Amino acid sequence: MAKSSNATAVIISLVLMLSLFLITFSPVAEGRFIGVGMVKEEEEAAGILCDLVHGVESGETCSGVVEKFKLNAETFTLINPNLNCDALFVGQWVCIDGAPN
């Protein structure tokens, strides 16, 4: 009886360790772990190469970001194609240096 329960405990432990391993490392293999690779894929899909980003601060507007970083408004719009300037929020990442691909 003791051998049977010991073997069962070992099997359960192995199954739990394998499950933990798969849960932990499967997102890494797909490039989703902590966002690694996600931005680049989105940029490539949009045809954009962004070299530098800025986190929007309280009270900032698109035109304020353009002025602050001495950007061309048309280029700013091209490198931020999905940006809704009427709905900026604090901490939102905007591209401030890049080019359409």
PDB file of N, CA and C in Angstrom:
ATOM      1  N   MET A   1       0.820  -1.187   0.000  1.00  0.00           N
ATOM      2  CA  MET A   1       0.000   0.000   0.000  1.00  0.00           C
ATOM      3  C   MET A   1       0.868   1.255   0.000  1.00  0.00           C
ATOM      4  N   ALA A   2       1.947   1.253   0.762  1.00  0.00           N
ATOM      5  CA  ALA A   2       2.816   2.414   0.845  1.00  0.00           C
ATOM      6  C   ALA A   2       3.501   2.679  -0.486  1.00  0.00           C
ATOM      7  N   LYS A   3       3.889   1.613  -1.197  1.00  0.00           N
ATOM      8  CA  LYS A   3       4.546   1.782  -2.487  1.00  0.00           C
ATOM      9  C   LYS A   3       3.594   2.400  -3.506  1.00  0.00           C
ATOM     10  N   SER A   4       2.352   2.020  -3.468  1.00  0.00           N
ATOM     11  CA  SER A   4       1.356   2.538  -4.404  1.00  0.00           C
ATOM     12  C   SER A   4       1.112   4.026  -4.191  1.00  0.00           C
ATOM     13  N   SER A   5       0.974   4.455  -2.944  1.00  0.00           N
ATOM     14  CA  SER A   5       0.729   5.871  -2.671  1.00  0.00           C
ATOM     15  C   SER A   5       1.975   6.703  -2.964  1.00  0.00           C
ATOM     16  N   ASN A   6       3.164   6.135  -2.753  1.00  0.00           N
ATOM     17  CA  ASN A   6       4.412   6.825  -3.070  1.00  0.00           C
ATOM     18  C   ASN A   6       4.540   7.028  -4.576  1.00  0.00           C
ATOM     19  N   ALA A   7       4.218   6.015  -5.356  1.00  0.00           N
ATOM     20  CA  ALA A   7       4.274   6.119  -6.815  1.00  0.00           C
ATOM     21  C   ALA A   7       3.256   7.137  -7.319  1.00  0.00           C
ATOM     22  N   THR A   8       2.085   7.155  -6.724  1.00  0.00           N
ATOM     23  CA  THR A   8       1.055   8.125  -7.107  1.00  0.00           C
ATOM     24  C   THR A   8       1.522   9.544  -6.806  1.00  0.00           C
ATOM     25  N   ALA A   9       2.149   9.739  -5.662  1.00  0.00           N
ATOM     26  CA  ALA A   9       2.652  11.062  -5.288  1.00  0.00           C
ATOM     27  C   ALA A   9       3.728  11.529  -6.265  1.00  0.00           C
ATOM     28  N   VAL A  10       4.591  10.626  -6.684  1.00  0.00           N
ATOM     29  CA  VAL A  10       5.645  10.965  -7.646  1.00  0.00           C
ATOM     30  C   VAL A  10       5.029  11.357  -8.987  1.00  0.00           C
ATOM     31  N   ILE A  11       4.044  10.608  -9.443  1.00  0.00           N
ATOM     32  CA  ILE A  11       3.389  10.911 -10.724  1.00  0.00           C
ATOM     33  C   ILE A  11       2.683  12.261 -10.662  1.00  0.00           C
ATOM     34  N   ILE A  12       1.975  12.516  -9.569  1.00  0.00           N
ATOM     35  CA  ILE A  12       1.282  13.805  -9.417  1.00  0.00           C
ATOM     36  C   ILE A  12       2.294  14.944  -9.400  1.00  0.00           C
ATOM     37  N   SER A  13       3.410  14.759  -8.694  1.00  0.00           N
ATOM     38  CA  SER A  13       4.455  15.789  -8.653  1.00  0.00           C
ATOM     39  C   SER A  13       5.016  16.066 -10.041  1.00  0.00           C
ATOM     40  N   LEU A  14       5.269  15.019 -10.804  1.00  0.00           N
ATOM     41  CA  LEU A  14       5.798  15.192 -12.160  1.00  0.00           C
ATOM     42  C   LEU A  14       4.802  15.916 -13.063  1.00  0.00           C
ATOM     43  N   VAL A  15       3.531  15.556 -12.956  1.00  0.00           N
ATOM     44  CA  VAL A  15       2.501  16.215 -13.766  1.00  0.00           C
ATOM     45  C   VAL A  15       2.406  17.694 -13.402  1.00  0.00           C
ATOM     46  N   LEU A  16       2.446  18.010 -12.115  1.00  0.00           N
ATOM     47  CA  LEU A  16       2.385  19.408 -11.684  1.00  0.00           C
ATOM     48  C   LEU A  16       3.603  20.197 -12.165  1.00  0.00           C
ATOM     49  N   MET A  17       4.790  19.609 -12.073  1.00  0.00           N
ATOM     50  CA  MET A  17       5.996  20.299 -12.537  1.00  0.00           C
ATOM     51  C   MET A  17       5.959  20.525 -14.044  1.00  0.00           C
ATOM     52  N   LEU A  18       5.500  19.539 -14.792  1.00  0.00           N
ATOM     53  CA  LEU A  18       5.388  19.684 -16.241  1.00  0.00           C
ATOM     54  C   LEU A  18       4.377  20.772 -16.593  1.00  0.00           C
ATOM     55  N   SER A  19       3.259  20.796 -15.886  1.00  0.00           N
ATOM     56  CA  SER A  19       2.241  21.826 -16.130  1.00  0.00           C
ATOM     57  C   SER A  19       2.797  23.213 -15.851  1.00  0.00           C
ATOM     58  N   LEU A  20       3.496  23.362 -14.729  1.00  0.00           N
ATOM     59  CA  LEU A  20       4.094  24.647 -14.384  1.00  0.00           C
ATOM     60  C   LEU A  20       5.111  25.074 -15.438  1.00  0.00           C
ATOM     61  N   PHE A  21       5.919  24.140 -15.891  1.00  0.00           N
ATOM     62  CA  PHE A  21       6.906  24.435 -16.931  1.00  0.00           C
ATOM     63  C   PHE A  21       6.228  24.933 -18.208  1.00  0.00           C
ATOM     64  N   LEU A  22       5.190  24.237 -18.636  1.00  0.00           N
ATOM     65  CA  LEU A  22       4.495  24.618 -19.872  1.00  0.00           C
ATOM     66  C   LEU A  22       3.799  25.966 -19.744  1.00  0.00           C
ATOM     67  N   ILE A  23       3.197  26.227 -18.605  1.00  0.00           N
ATOM     68  CA  ILE A  23       2.522  27.512 -18.387  1.00  0.00           C
ATOM     69  C   ILE A  23       3.538  28.644 -18.377  1.00  0.00           C
ATOM     70  N   THR A  24       4.685  28.408 -17.767  1.00  0.00           N
ATOM     71  CA  THR A  24       5.699  29.447 -17.637  1.00  0.00           C
ATOM     72  C   THR A  24       6.404  29.754 -18.947  1.00  0.00           C
ATOM     73  N   PHE A  25       6.749  28.749 -19.717  1.00  0.00           N
ATOM     74  CA  PHE A  25       7.604  28.965 -20.870  1.00  0.00           C
ATOM     75  C   PHE A  25       6.915  28.940 -22.226  1.00  0.00           C
ATOM     76  N   SER A  26       5.677  28.541 -22.317  1.00  0.00           N
ATOM     77  CA  SER A  26       5.033  28.544 -23.634  1.00  0.00           C
ATOM     78  C   SER A  26       4.819  29.954 -24.176  1.00  0.00           C
ATOM     79  N   PRO A  27       4.478  30.974 -23.350  1.00  0.00           N
ATOM     80  CA  PRO A  27       4.375  32.325 -23.909  1.00  0.00           C
ATOM     81  C   PRO A  27       5.712  32.852 -24.422  1.00  0.00           C
ATOM     82  N   VAL A  28       6.827  32.426 -23.800  1.00  0.00           N
ATOM     83  CA  VAL A  28       8.143  32.879 -24.236  1.00  0.00           C
ATOM     84  C   VAL A  28       8.419  32.397 -25.649  1.00  0.00           C
ATOM     85  N   ALA A  29       8.057  31.175 -25.940  1.00  0.00           N
ATOM     86  CA  ALA A  29       8.300  30.614 -27.266  1.00  0.00           C
ATOM     87  C   ALA A  29       7.515  31.359 -28.334  1.00  0.00           C
ATOM     88  N   GLU A  30       6.387  31.936 -27.963  1.00  0.00           N
ATOM     89  CA  GLU A  30       5.568  32.669 -28.917  1.00  0.00           C
ATOM     90  C   GLU A  30       5.893  34.158 -28.927  1.00  0.00           C
ATOM     91  N   GLY A  31       6.847  34.603 -28.099  1.00  0.00           N
ATOM     92  CA  GLY A  31       7.244  36.003 -28.085  1.00  0.00           C
ATOM     93  C   GLY A  31       6.274  36.906 -27.361  1.00  0.00           C
ATOM     94  N   ARG A  32       5.427  36.358 -26.496  1.00  0.00           N
ATOM     95  CA  ARG A  32       4.441  37.176 -25.811  1.00  0.00           C
ATOM     96  C   ARG A  32       4.848  37.495 -24.388  1.00  0.00           C
ATOM     97  N   PHE A  33       5.930  36.941 -23.892  1.00  0.00           N
ATOM     98  CA  PHE A  33       6.324  37.124 -22.502  1.00  0.00           C
ATOM     99  C   PHE A  33       6.736  38.571 -22.270  1.00  0.00           C
ATOM    100  N   ILE A  34       6.045  39.266 -21.433  1.00  0.00           N
ATOM    101  CA  ILE A  34       6.299  40.659 -21.091  1.00  0.00           C
ATOM    102  C   ILE A  34       6.358  41.527 -22.349  1.00  0.00           C
ATOM    103  N   GLY A  35       5.571  41.198 -23.332  1.00  0.00           N
ATOM    104  CA  GLY A  35       5.471  42.028 -24.522  1.00  0.00           C
ATOM    105  C   GLY A  35       6.625  41.935 -25.492  1.00  0.00           C
ATOM    106  N   VAL A  36       7.539  41.031 -25.300  1.00  0.00           N
ATOM    107  CA  VAL A  36       8.694  40.920 -26.184  1.00  0.00           C
ATOM    108  C   VAL A  36       8.230  40.587 -27.587  1.00  0.00           C
ATOM    109  N   GLY A  37       8.643  41.367 -28.539  1.00  0.00           N
ATOM    110  CA  GLY A  37       8.336  41.088 -29.932  1.00  0.00           C
ATOM    111  C   GLY A  37       7.002  41.619 -30.412  1.00  0.00           C
ATOM    112  N   MET A  38       6.119  42.003 -29.516  1.00  0.00           N
ATOM    113  CA  MET A  38       4.781  42.421 -29.932  1.00  0.00           C
ATOM    114  C   MET A  38       4.802  43.748 -30.682  1.00  0.00           C
ATOM    115  N   VAL A  39       5.514  44.717 -30.160  1.00  0.00           N
ATOM    116  CA  VAL A  39       5.528  46.027 -30.796  1.00  0.00           C
ATOM    117  C   VAL A  39       6.121  45.939 -32.190  1.00  0.00           C
ATOM    118  N   LYS A  40       7.196  45.207 -32.334  1.00  0.00           N
ATOM    119  CA  LYS A  40       7.837  45.085 -33.633  1.00  0.00           C
ATOM    120  C   LYS A  40       6.888  44.473 -34.661  1.00  0.00           C
ATOM    121  N   GLU A  41       6.146  43.432 -34.270  1.00  0.00           N
ATOM    122  CA  GLU A  41       5.198  42.815 -35.195  1.00  0.00           C
ATOM    123  C   GLU A  41       4.122  43.809 -35.608  1.00  0.00           C
ATOM    124  N   GLU A  42       3.615  44.601 -34.648  1.00  0.00           N
ATOM    125  CA  GLU A  42       2.594  45.592 -34.966  1.00  0.00           C
ATOM    126  C   GLU A  42       3.165  46.678 -35.877  1.00  0.00           C
ATOM    127  N   GLU A  43       4.402  47.102 -35.589  1.00  0.00           N
ATOM    128  CA  GLU A  43       5.034  48.119 -36.425  1.00  0.00           C
ATOM    129  C   GLU A  43       5.218  47.611 -37.846  1.00  0.00           C
ATOM    130  N   GLU A  44       5.682  46.375 -37.979  1.00  0.00           N
ATOM    131  CA  GLU A  44       5.886  45.812 -39.308  1.00  0.00           C
ATOM    132  C   GLU A  44       4.572  45.706 -40.059  1.00  0.00           C
ATOM    133  N   ALA A  45       3.515  45.328 -39.366  1.00  0.00           N
ATOM    134  CA  ALA A  45       2.203  45.213 -40.009  1.00  0.00           C
ATOM    135  C   ALA A  45       1.722  46.576 -40.481  1.00  0.00           C
ATOM    136  N   ALA A  46       2.040  47.617 -39.718  1.00  0.00           N
ATOM    137  CA  ALA A  46       1.614  48.964 -40.080  1.00  0.00           C
ATOM    138  C   ALA A  46       2.607  49.624 -41.034  1.00  0.00           C
ATOM    139  N   GLY A  47       3.760  49.012 -41.254  1.00  0.00           N
ATOM    140  CA  GLY A  47       4.768  49.588 -42.125  1.00  0.00           C
ATOM    141  C   GLY A  47       5.491  50.757 -41.484  1.00  0.00           C
ATOM    142  N   ILE A  48       5.770  50.650 -40.184  1.00  0.00           N
ATOM    143  CA  ILE A  48       6.382  51.743 -39.439  1.00  0.00           C
ATOM    144  C   ILE A  48       7.654  51.247 -38.769  1.00  0.00           C
ATOM    145  N   LEU A  49       8.663  52.107 -38.753  1.00  0.00           N
ATOM    146  CA  LEU A  49       9.879  51.828 -38.014  1.00  0.00           C
ATOM    147  C   LEU A  49      10.026  52.935 -36.978  1.00  0.00           C
ATOM    148  N   CYS A  50       9.831  52.607 -35.708  1.00  0.00           N
ATOM    149  CA  CYS A  50       9.901  53.594 -34.631  1.00  0.00           C
ATOM    150  C   CYS A  50      11.188  53.376 -33.850  1.00  0.00           C
ATOM    151  N   ASP A  51      11.998  54.425 -33.750  1.00  0.00           N
ATOM    152  CA  ASP A  51      13.278  54.328 -33.061  1.00  0.00           C
ATOM    153  C   ASP A  51      13.237  54.852 -31.631  1.00  0.00           C
ATOM    154  N   LEU A  52      12.258  55.719 -31.321  1.00  0.00           N
ATOM    155  CA  LEU A  52      12.187  56.319 -29.987  1.00  0.00           C
ATOM    156  C   LEU A  52      10.742  56.632 -29.645  1.00  0.00           C
ATOM    157  N   VAL A  53      10.341  56.289 -28.427  1.00  0.00           N
ATOM    158  CA  VAL A  53       8.973  56.567 -27.986  1.00  0.00           C
ATOM    159  C   VAL A  53       8.985  57.514 -26.794  1.00  0.00           C
ATOM    160  N   HIS A  54       7.827  58.116 -26.544  1.00  0.00           N
ATOM    161  CA  HIS A  54       7.642  59.035 -25.420  1.00  0.00           C
ATOM    162  C   HIS A  54       6.352  58.665 -24.717  1.00  0.00           C
ATOM    163  N   GLY A  55       6.370  58.621 -23.393  1.00  0.00           N
ATOM    164  CA  GLY A  55       5.162  58.382 -22.609  1.00  0.00           C
ATOM    165  C   GLY A  55       4.446  59.701 -22.381  1.00  0.00           C
ATOM    166  N   VAL A  56       3.202  59.775 -22.821  1.00  0.00           N
ATOM    167  CA  VAL A  56       2.419  61.008 -22.695  1.00  0.00           C
ATOM    168  C   VAL A  56       2.301  61.380 -21.218  1.00  0.00           C
ATOM    169  N   GLU A  57       2.514  62.666 -20.937  1.00  0.00           N
ATOM    170  CA  GLU A  57       2.427  63.179 -19.573  1.00  0.00           C
ATOM    171  C   GLU A  57       1.115  63.933 -19.391  1.00  0.00           C
ATOM    172  N   SER A  58       0.766  64.183 -18.156  1.00  0.00           N
ATOM    173  CA  SER A  58      -0.488  64.859 -17.832  1.00  0.00           C
ATOM    174  C   SER A  58      -0.587  66.203 -18.551  1.00  0.00           C
ATOM    175  N   GLY A  59      -1.700  66.426 -19.237  1.00  0.00           N
ATOM    176  CA  GLY A  59      -1.951  67.686 -19.928  1.00  0.00           C
ATOM    177  C   GLY A  59      -1.367  67.786 -21.325  1.00  0.00           C
ATOM    178  N   GLU A  60      -0.598  66.799 -21.755  1.00  0.00           N
ATOM    179  CA  GLU A  60       0.004  66.857 -23.088  1.00  0.00           C
ATOM    180  C   GLU A  60      -1.028  66.582 -24.176  1.00  0.00           C
ATOM    181  N   THR A  61      -0.806  67.215 -25.305  1.00  0.00           N
ATOM    182  CA  THR A  61      -1.618  66.997 -26.500  1.00  0.00           C
ATOM    183  C   THR A  61      -0.685  66.567 -27.622  1.00  0.00           C
ATOM    184  N   CYS A  62      -1.260  66.126 -28.722  1.00  0.00           N
ATOM    185  CA  CYS A  62      -0.428  65.750 -29.872  1.00  0.00           C
ATOM    186  C   CYS A  62       0.391  66.946 -30.350  1.00  0.00           C
ATOM    187  N   SER A  63      -0.256  68.094 -30.457  1.00  0.00           N
ATOM    188  CA  SER A  63       0.474  69.280 -30.928  1.00  0.00           C
ATOM    189  C   SER A  63       1.553  69.682 -29.930  1.00  0.00           C
ATOM    190  N   GLY A  64       1.305  69.470 -28.643  1.00  0.00           N
ATOM    191  CA  GLY A  64       2.316  69.757 -27.631  1.00  0.00           C
ATOM    192  C   GLY A  64       3.520  68.839 -27.752  1.00  0.00           C
ATOM    193  N   VAL A  65       3.281  67.576 -28.047  1.00  0.00           N
ATOM    194  CA  VAL A  65       4.380  66.620 -28.239  1.00  0.00           C
ATOM    195  C   VAL A  65       5.174  67.000 -29.485  1.00  0.00           C
ATOM    196  N   VAL A  66       4.466  67.382 -30.550  1.00  0.00           N
ATOM    197  CA  VAL A  66       5.129  67.805 -31.790  1.00  0.00           C
ATOM    198  C   VAL A  66       6.042  68.994 -31.513  1.00  0.00           C
ATOM    199  N   GLU A  67       5.545  69.978 -30.759  1.00  0.00           N
ATOM    200  CA  GLU A  67       6.353  71.161 -30.428  1.00  0.00           C
ATOM    201  C   GLU A  67       7.510  70.805 -29.495  1.00  0.00           C
ATOM    202  N   LYS A  68       7.222  70.012 -28.466  1.00  0.00           N
ATOM    203  CA  LYS A  68       8.228  69.663 -27.460  1.00  0.00           C
ATOM    204  C   LYS A  68       9.449  68.980 -28.078  1.00  0.00           C
ATOM    205  N   PHE A  69       9.208  68.107 -29.045  1.00  0.00           N
ATOM    206  CA  PHE A  69      10.302  67.356 -29.653  1.00  0.00           C
ATOM    207  C   PHE A  69      10.688  67.881 -31.038  1.00  0.00           C
ATOM    208  N   LYS A  70      10.156  69.069 -31.374  1.00  0.00           N
ATOM    209  CA  LYS A  70      10.475  69.739 -32.643  1.00  0.00           C
ATOM    210  C   LYS A  70      10.274  68.797 -33.835  1.00  0.00           C
ATOM    211  N   LEU A  71       9.073  68.225 -33.907  1.00  0.00           N
ATOM    212  CA  LEU A  71       8.734  67.283 -34.969  1.00  0.00           C
ATOM    213  C   LEU A  71       7.909  67.964 -36.043  1.00  0.00           C
ATOM    214  N   ASN A  72       7.854  67.345 -37.189  1.00  0.00           N
ATOM    215  CA  ASN A  72       6.964  67.762 -38.260  1.00  0.00           C
ATOM    216  C   ASN A  72       5.618  67.090 -37.993  1.00  0.00           C
ATOM    217  N   ALA A  73       4.529  67.856 -38.008  1.00  0.00           N
ATOM    218  CA  ALA A  73       3.203  67.317 -37.685  1.00  0.00           C
ATOM    219  C   ALA A  73       2.806  66.177 -38.620  1.00  0.00           C
ATOM    220  N   GLU A  74       3.139  66.295 -39.900  1.00  0.00           N
ATOM    221  CA  GLU A  74       2.785  65.245 -40.861  1.00  0.00           C
ATOM    222  C   GLU A  74       3.548  63.952 -40.566  1.00  0.00           C
ATOM    223  N   THR A  75       4.835  64.075 -40.257  1.00  0.00           N
ATOM    224  CA  THR A  75       5.640  62.898 -39.921  1.00  0.00           C
ATOM    225  C   THR A  75       5.133  62.252 -38.638  1.00  0.00           C
ATOM    226  N   PHE A  76       4.779  63.082 -37.645  1.00  0.00           N
ATOM    227  CA  PHE A  76       4.240  62.562 -36.386  1.00  0.00           C
ATOM    228  C   PHE A  76       2.987  61.730 -36.641  1.00  0.00           C
ATOM    229  N   THR A  77       2.134  62.212 -37.515  1.00  0.00           N
ATOM    230  CA  THR A  77       0.910  61.480 -37.860  1.00  0.00           C
ATOM    231  C   THR A  77       1.239  60.186 -38.599  1.00  0.00           C
ATOM    232  N   LEU A  78       2.219  60.225 -39.488  1.00  0.00           N
ATOM    233  CA  LEU A  78       2.596  59.026 -40.244  1.00  0.00           C
ATOM    234  C   LEU A  78       3.200  57.936 -39.365  1.00  0.00           C
ATOM    235  N   ILE A  79       3.993  58.339 -38.364  1.00  0.00           N
ATOM    236  CA  ILE A  79       4.637  57.338 -37.512  1.00  0.00           C
ATOM    237  C   ILE A  79       3.755  56.920 -36.332  1.00  0.00           C
ATOM    238  N   ASN A  80       2.592  57.550 -36.205  1.00  0.00           N
ATOM    239  CA  ASN A  80       1.605  57.182 -35.183  1.00  0.00           C
ATOM    240  C   ASN A  80       0.240  57.012 -35.842  1.00  0.00           C
ATOM    241  N   PRO A  81       0.094  56.062 -36.759  1.00  0.00           N
ATOM    242  CA  PRO A  81      -1.123  55.972 -37.573  1.00  0.00           C
ATOM    243  C   PRO A  81      -2.396  55.636 -36.804  1.00  0.00           C
ATOM    244  N   ASN A  82      -2.292  54.953 -35.694  1.00  0.00           N
ATOM    245  CA  ASN A  82      -3.488  54.563 -34.942  1.00  0.00           C
ATOM    246  C   ASN A  82      -3.736  55.457 -33.735  1.00  0.00           C
ATOM    247  N   LEU A  83      -3.054  56.570 -33.679  1.00  0.00           N
ATOM    248  CA  LEU A  83      -3.164  57.470 -32.539  1.00  0.00           C
ATOM    249  C   LEU A  83      -4.402  58.341 -32.664  1.00  0.00           C
ATOM    250  N   ASN A  84      -5.207  58.362 -31.606  1.00  0.00           N
ATOM    251  CA  ASN A  84      -6.378  59.234 -31.546  1.00  0.00           C
ATOM    252  C   ASN A  84      -6.003  60.416 -30.661  1.00  0.00           C
ATOM    253  N   CYS A  85      -5.693  61.544 -31.278  1.00  0.00           N
ATOM    254  CA  CYS A  85      -5.232  62.711 -30.532  1.00  0.00           C
ATOM    255  C   CYS A  85      -6.307  63.286 -29.610  1.00  0.00           C
ATOM    256  N   ASP A  86      -7.563  62.954 -29.835  1.00  0.00           N
ATOM    257  CA  ASP A  86      -8.643  63.427 -28.966  1.00  0.00           C
ATOM    258  C   ASP A  86      -8.789  62.558 -27.718  1.00  0.00           C
ATOM    259  N   ALA A  87      -8.065  61.459 -27.656  1.00  0.00           N
ATOM    260  CA  ALA A  87      -8.214  60.542 -26.522  1.00  0.00           C
ATOM    261  C   ALA A  87      -6.860  60.107 -25.958  1.00  0.00           C
ATOM    262  N   LEU A  88      -5.875  61.025 -25.922  1.00  0.00           N
ATOM    263  CA  LEU A  88      -4.575  60.694 -25.332  1.00  0.00           C
ATOM    264  C   LEU A  88      -4.746  60.441 -23.840  1.00  0.00           C
ATOM    265  N   PHE A  89      -3.946  59.539 -23.299  1.00  0.00           N
ATOM    266  CA  PHE A  89      -3.996  59.295 -21.862  1.00  0.00           C
ATOM    267  C   PHE A  89      -2.581  59.257 -21.307  1.00  0.00           C
ATOM    268  N   VAL A  90      -2.457  59.560 -20.028  1.00  0.00           N
ATOM    269  CA  VAL A  90      -1.156  59.593 -19.368  1.00  0.00           C
ATOM    270  C   VAL A  90      -0.509  58.214 -19.453  1.00  0.00           C
ATOM    271  N   GLY A  91       0.745  58.200 -19.893  1.00  0.00           N
ATOM    272  CA  GLY A  91       1.487  56.955 -20.018  1.00  0.00           C
ATOM    273  C   GLY A  91       1.386  56.309 -21.390  1.00  0.00           C
ATOM    274  N   GLN A  92       0.537  56.848 -22.249  1.00  0.00           N
ATOM    275  CA  GLN A  92       0.396  56.288 -23.600  1.00  0.00           C
ATOM    276  C   GLN A  92       1.699  56.508 -24.364  1.00  0.00           C
ATOM    277  N   TRP A  93       2.154  55.471 -25.053  1.00  0.00           N
ATOM    278  CA  TRP A  93       3.385  55.574 -25.829  1.00  0.00           C
ATOM    279  C   TRP A  93       3.083  56.155 -27.202  1.00  0.00           C
ATOM    280  N   VAL A  94       3.852  57.180 -27.568  1.00  0.00           N
ATOM    281  CA  VAL A  94       3.768  57.740 -28.915  1.00  0.00           C
ATOM    282  C   VAL A  94       5.165  57.713 -29.511  1.00  0.00           C
ATOM    283  N   CYS A  95       5.234  57.442 -30.787  1.00  0.00           N
ATOM    284  CA  CYS A  95       6.513  57.403 -31.484  1.00  0.00           C
ATOM    285  C   CYS A  95       6.954  58.839 -31.757  1.00  0.00           C
ATOM    286  N   ILE A  96       8.201  59.164 -31.387  1.00  0.00           N
ATOM    287  CA  ILE A  96       8.695  60.520 -31.633  1.00  0.00           C
ATOM    288  C   ILE A  96       9.898  60.536 -32.571  1.00  0.00           C
ATOM    289  N   ASP A  97      10.374  59.373 -32.941  1.00  0.00           N
ATOM    290  CA  ASP A  97      11.462  59.300 -33.911  1.00  0.00           C
ATOM    291  C   ASP A  97      11.311  58.002 -34.690  1.00  0.00           C
ATOM    292  N   GLY A  98      11.087  58.125 -35.963  1.00  0.00           N
ATOM    293  CA  GLY A  98      10.912  56.948 -36.794  1.00  0.00           C
ATOM    294  C   GLY A  98      10.532  57.356 -38.195  1.00  0.00           C
ATOM    295  N   ALA A  99      10.127  56.388 -38.968  1.00  0.00           N
ATOM    296  CA  ALA A  99       9.752  56.664 -40.350  1.00  0.00           C
ATOM    297  C   ALA A  99       8.795  55.590 -40.843  1.00  0.00           C
ATOM    298  N   PRO A 100       7.931  55.973 -41.772  1.00  0.00           N
ATOM    299  CA  PRO A 100       7.103  54.949 -42.418  1.00  0.00           C
ATOM    300  C   PRO A 100       8.024  53.993 -43.165  1.00  0.00           C
ATOM    301  N   ASN A 101       7.738  52.732 -43.110  1.00  0.00           N
ATOM    302  CA  ASN A 101       8.594  51.724 -43.732  1.00  0.00           C
ATOM    303  C   ASN A 101       8.293  51.578 -45.199  1.00  0.00           C
TER     304      ASN A 101
END
